[in-house]
Amino acid sequence: MESIFDLNERQLKNGDVIDLHQTVNGQNLFVVFTLEPLDIRYAHDLTRKYEYDKFEMLAPSKFLGYVEW
């Protein structure tokens, strides 16, 4: 997997907390558990894996052209 960078151009790493600035299942904070393989968990319950497309979650906004997290 190639490197992924946040809004502040910091490279994503294991343990990073992502604030999506919108909610998914009532939550907006997520933790990057591992990068290889990509495993993202809900911050309020680390046993719960993010069940949707993780790469789409990290991709730049289709409307803005950059990542919002």
N, C-alpha and C. Protein backbone atom coordinates (compact mmCIF):
# COMPACT_ATOMS: atom_id res chain seq x y z
N MET A 1 0.85 -1.18 0.00
CA MET A 1 0.00 0.00 0.00
C MET A 1 0.89 1.24 0.00
N GLU A 2 0.55 2.20 -0.83
CA GLU A 2 1.33 3.43 -0.85
C GLU A 2 0.96 4.30 0.35
N SER A 3 1.80 5.26 0.68
CA SER A 3 1.59 6.11 1.84
C SER A 3 0.31 6.93 1.70
N ILE A 4 -0.35 7.13 2.83
CA ILE A 4 -1.57 7.93 2.90
C ILE A 4 -1.29 9.11 3.82
N PHE A 5 -1.72 10.30 3.40
CA PHE A 5 -1.45 11.51 4.17
C PHE A 5 -2.76 12.19 4.57
N ASP A 6 -2.74 12.82 5.76
CA ASP A 6 -3.93 13.51 6.25
C ASP A 6 -3.97 14.96 5.74
N LEU A 7 -4.94 15.70 6.23
CA LEU A 7 -5.16 17.09 5.80
C LEU A 7 -3.93 17.96 6.06
N ASN A 8 -3.15 17.62 7.10
CA ASN A 8 -1.96 18.39 7.46
C ASN A 8 -0.69 17.82 6.84
N GLU A 9 -0.86 16.93 5.86
CA GLU A 9 0.23 16.30 5.12
C GLU A 9 1.13 15.44 6.01
N ARG A 10 0.54 14.89 7.09
CA ARG A 10 1.26 13.95 7.95
C ARG A 10 0.93 12.54 7.49
N GLN A 11 1.95 11.71 7.38
CA GLN A 11 1.76 10.34 6.93
C GLN A 11 1.00 9.53 7.97
N LEU A 12 0.01 8.79 7.51
CA LEU A 12 -0.79 7.94 8.38
C LEU A 12 0.06 6.80 8.92
N LYS A 13 -0.10 6.51 10.23
CA LYS A 13 0.66 5.43 10.84
C LYS A 13 -0.22 4.67 11.83
N ASN A 14 0.23 3.50 12.23
CA ASN A 14 -0.50 2.69 13.21
C ASN A 14 -0.75 3.51 14.47
N GLY A 15 -1.96 3.42 15.01
CA GLY A 15 -2.30 4.11 16.24
C GLY A 15 -2.87 5.50 16.04
N ASP A 16 -2.84 6.03 14.83
CA ASP A 16 -3.39 7.37 14.59
C ASP A 16 -4.90 7.37 14.81
N VAL A 17 -5.40 8.48 15.33
CA VAL A 17 -6.83 8.69 15.51
C VAL A 17 -7.30 9.58 14.38
N ILE A 18 -8.36 9.16 13.71
CA ILE A 18 -8.92 9.90 12.57
C ILE A 18 -10.25 10.51 13.00
N ASP A 19 -10.38 11.81 12.81
CA ASP A 19 -11.65 12.51 13.03
C ASP A 19 -12.23 12.80 11.66
N LEU A 20 -13.32 12.12 11.32
CA LEU A 20 -13.92 12.29 9.99
C LEU A 20 -14.70 13.59 9.83
N HIS A 21 -15.00 14.27 10.94
CA HIS A 21 -15.80 15.50 10.91
C HIS A 21 -17.21 15.24 10.37
N GLN A 22 -17.62 13.99 10.43
CA GLN A 22 -18.98 13.56 10.13
C GLN A 22 -19.15 12.22 10.85
N THR A 23 -20.37 11.77 11.01
CA THR A 23 -20.56 10.54 11.77
C THR A 23 -20.85 9.34 10.87
N VAL A 24 -20.38 8.20 11.34
CA VAL A 24 -20.67 6.91 10.75
C VAL A 24 -21.18 6.05 11.90
N ASN A 25 -22.41 5.61 11.79
CA ASN A 25 -23.03 4.85 12.89
C ASN A 25 -22.93 5.61 14.22
N GLY A 26 -23.08 6.93 14.15
CA GLY A 26 -23.06 7.77 15.34
C GLY A 26 -21.68 8.11 15.87
N GLN A 27 -20.63 7.70 15.19
CA GLN A 27 -19.26 7.95 15.65
C GLN A 27 -18.47 8.73 14.61
N ASN A 28 -17.55 9.58 15.08
CA ASN A 28 -16.71 10.32 14.15
C ASN A 28 -15.21 10.06 14.35
N LEU A 29 -14.85 9.37 15.44
CA LEU A 29 -13.44 9.09 15.71
C LEU A 29 -13.13 7.61 15.46
N PHE A 30 -12.03 7.39 14.75
CA PHE A 30 -11.62 6.04 14.39
C PHE A 30 -10.12 5.90 14.62
N VAL A 31 -9.66 4.69 14.87
CA VAL A 31 -8.25 4.42 15.14
C VAL A 31 -7.69 3.51 14.05
N VAL A 32 -6.52 3.89 13.54
CA VAL A 32 -5.82 3.02 12.58
C VAL A 32 -5.12 1.96 13.41
N PHE A 33 -5.67 0.77 13.39
CA PHE A 33 -5.13 -0.34 14.17
C PHE A 33 -3.85 -0.85 13.52
N THR A 34 -3.92 -1.13 12.21
CA THR A 34 -2.73 -1.52 11.44
C THR A 34 -2.88 -0.97 10.02
N LEU A 35 -1.73 -0.76 9.38
CA LEU A 35 -1.73 -0.31 7.98
C LEU A 35 -1.65 -1.49 7.01
N GLU A 36 -0.96 -2.55 7.41
CA GLU A 36 -0.80 -3.74 6.56
C GLU A 36 -1.24 -4.97 7.32
N PRO A 37 -2.37 -5.50 7.10
CA PRO A 37 -3.44 -5.00 6.24
C PRO A 37 -4.15 -3.83 6.92
N LEU A 38 -4.79 -3.01 6.12
CA LEU A 38 -5.47 -1.84 6.65
C LEU A 38 -6.62 -2.27 7.55
N ASP A 39 -6.53 -1.89 8.82
CA ASP A 39 -7.53 -2.25 9.82
C ASP A 39 -7.85 -0.98 10.60
N ILE A 40 -9.07 -0.52 10.47
CA ILE A 40 -9.52 0.69 11.16
C ILE A 40 -10.65 0.30 12.10
N ARG A 41 -10.59 0.83 13.33
CA ARG A 41 -11.57 0.48 14.37
C ARG A 41 -12.26 1.74 14.89
N TYR A 42 -13.43 1.52 15.46
CA TYR A 42 -14.15 2.61 16.11
C TYR A 42 -13.41 2.98 17.40
N ALA A 43 -13.17 4.27 17.63
CA ALA A 43 -12.39 4.71 18.79
C ALA A 43 -13.11 4.38 20.10
N HIS A 44 -14.42 4.39 20.10
CA HIS A 44 -15.15 4.13 21.35
C HIS A 44 -15.19 2.65 21.71
N ASP A 45 -14.84 1.76 20.77
CA ASP A 45 -14.84 0.32 20.99
C ASP A 45 -13.84 -0.32 20.03
N LEU A 46 -12.61 -0.50 20.49
CA LEU A 46 -11.54 -1.00 19.61
C LEU A 46 -11.75 -2.43 19.15
N THR A 47 -12.73 -3.13 19.71
CA THR A 47 -13.02 -4.47 19.22
C THR A 47 -13.90 -4.44 17.99
N ARG A 48 -14.48 -3.26 17.69
CA ARG A 48 -15.39 -3.12 16.55
C ARG A 48 -14.64 -2.57 15.33
N LYS A 49 -14.55 -3.38 14.28
CA LYS A 49 -13.87 -2.97 13.06
C LYS A 49 -14.79 -2.10 12.20
N TYR A 50 -14.20 -1.14 11.51
CA TYR A 50 -14.92 -0.32 10.55
C TYR A 50 -15.37 -1.25 9.42
N GLU A 51 -16.68 -1.33 9.20
CA GLU A 51 -17.22 -2.34 8.29
C GLU A 51 -17.43 -1.89 6.85
N TYR A 52 -17.13 -0.64 6.56
CA TYR A 52 -17.32 -0.14 5.20
C TYR A 52 -15.97 -0.06 4.49
N ASP A 53 -15.94 0.49 3.30
CA ASP A 53 -14.71 0.58 2.50
C ASP A 53 -13.71 1.53 3.18
N LYS A 54 -12.65 0.97 3.73
CA LYS A 54 -11.65 1.77 4.45
C LYS A 54 -10.86 2.69 3.51
N PHE A 55 -10.63 2.22 2.30
CA PHE A 55 -9.86 3.04 1.35
C PHE A 55 -10.70 4.24 0.90
N GLU A 56 -12.00 4.05 0.76
CA GLU A 56 -12.88 5.16 0.42
C GLU A 56 -12.94 6.17 1.57
N MET A 57 -12.91 5.66 2.80
CA MET A 57 -12.91 6.53 3.98
C MET A 57 -11.71 7.47 3.97
N LEU A 58 -10.56 6.97 3.54
CA LEU A 58 -9.32 7.74 3.57
C LEU A 58 -9.07 8.54 2.29
N ALA A 59 -9.87 8.30 1.28
CA ALA A 59 -9.67 8.96 -0.03
C ALA A 59 -10.07 10.44 0.03
N PRO A 60 -9.50 11.24 -0.87
CA PRO A 60 -9.90 12.64 -0.95
C PRO A 60 -11.40 12.77 -1.26
N SER A 61 -12.00 13.82 -0.75
CA SER A 61 -13.41 14.09 -1.00
C SER A 61 -13.65 14.27 -2.50
N LYS A 62 -14.71 13.67 -3.00
CA LYS A 62 -15.05 13.82 -4.41
C LYS A 62 -15.51 15.23 -4.72
N PHE A 63 -15.96 15.96 -3.70
CA PHE A 63 -16.45 17.32 -3.91
C PHE A 63 -15.34 18.36 -3.72
N LEU A 64 -14.45 18.13 -2.73
CA LEU A 64 -13.41 19.10 -2.43
C LEU A 64 -12.07 18.81 -3.08
N GLY A 65 -11.80 17.54 -3.35
CA GLY A 65 -10.55 17.17 -3.98
C GLY A 65 -9.39 16.93 -3.01
N TYR A 66 -9.65 17.00 -1.71
CA TYR A 66 -8.62 16.73 -0.71
C TYR A 66 -9.26 15.99 0.46
N VAL A 67 -8.41 15.38 1.31
CA VAL A 67 -8.94 14.66 2.46
C VAL A 67 -9.40 15.67 3.51
N GLU A 68 -10.44 15.29 4.23
CA GLU A 68 -11.00 16.18 5.26
C GLU A 68 -10.60 15.77 6.67
N TRP A 69 -9.91 14.65 6.81
CA TRP A 69 -9.56 14.16 8.14
C TRP A 69 -8.15 14.57 8.51
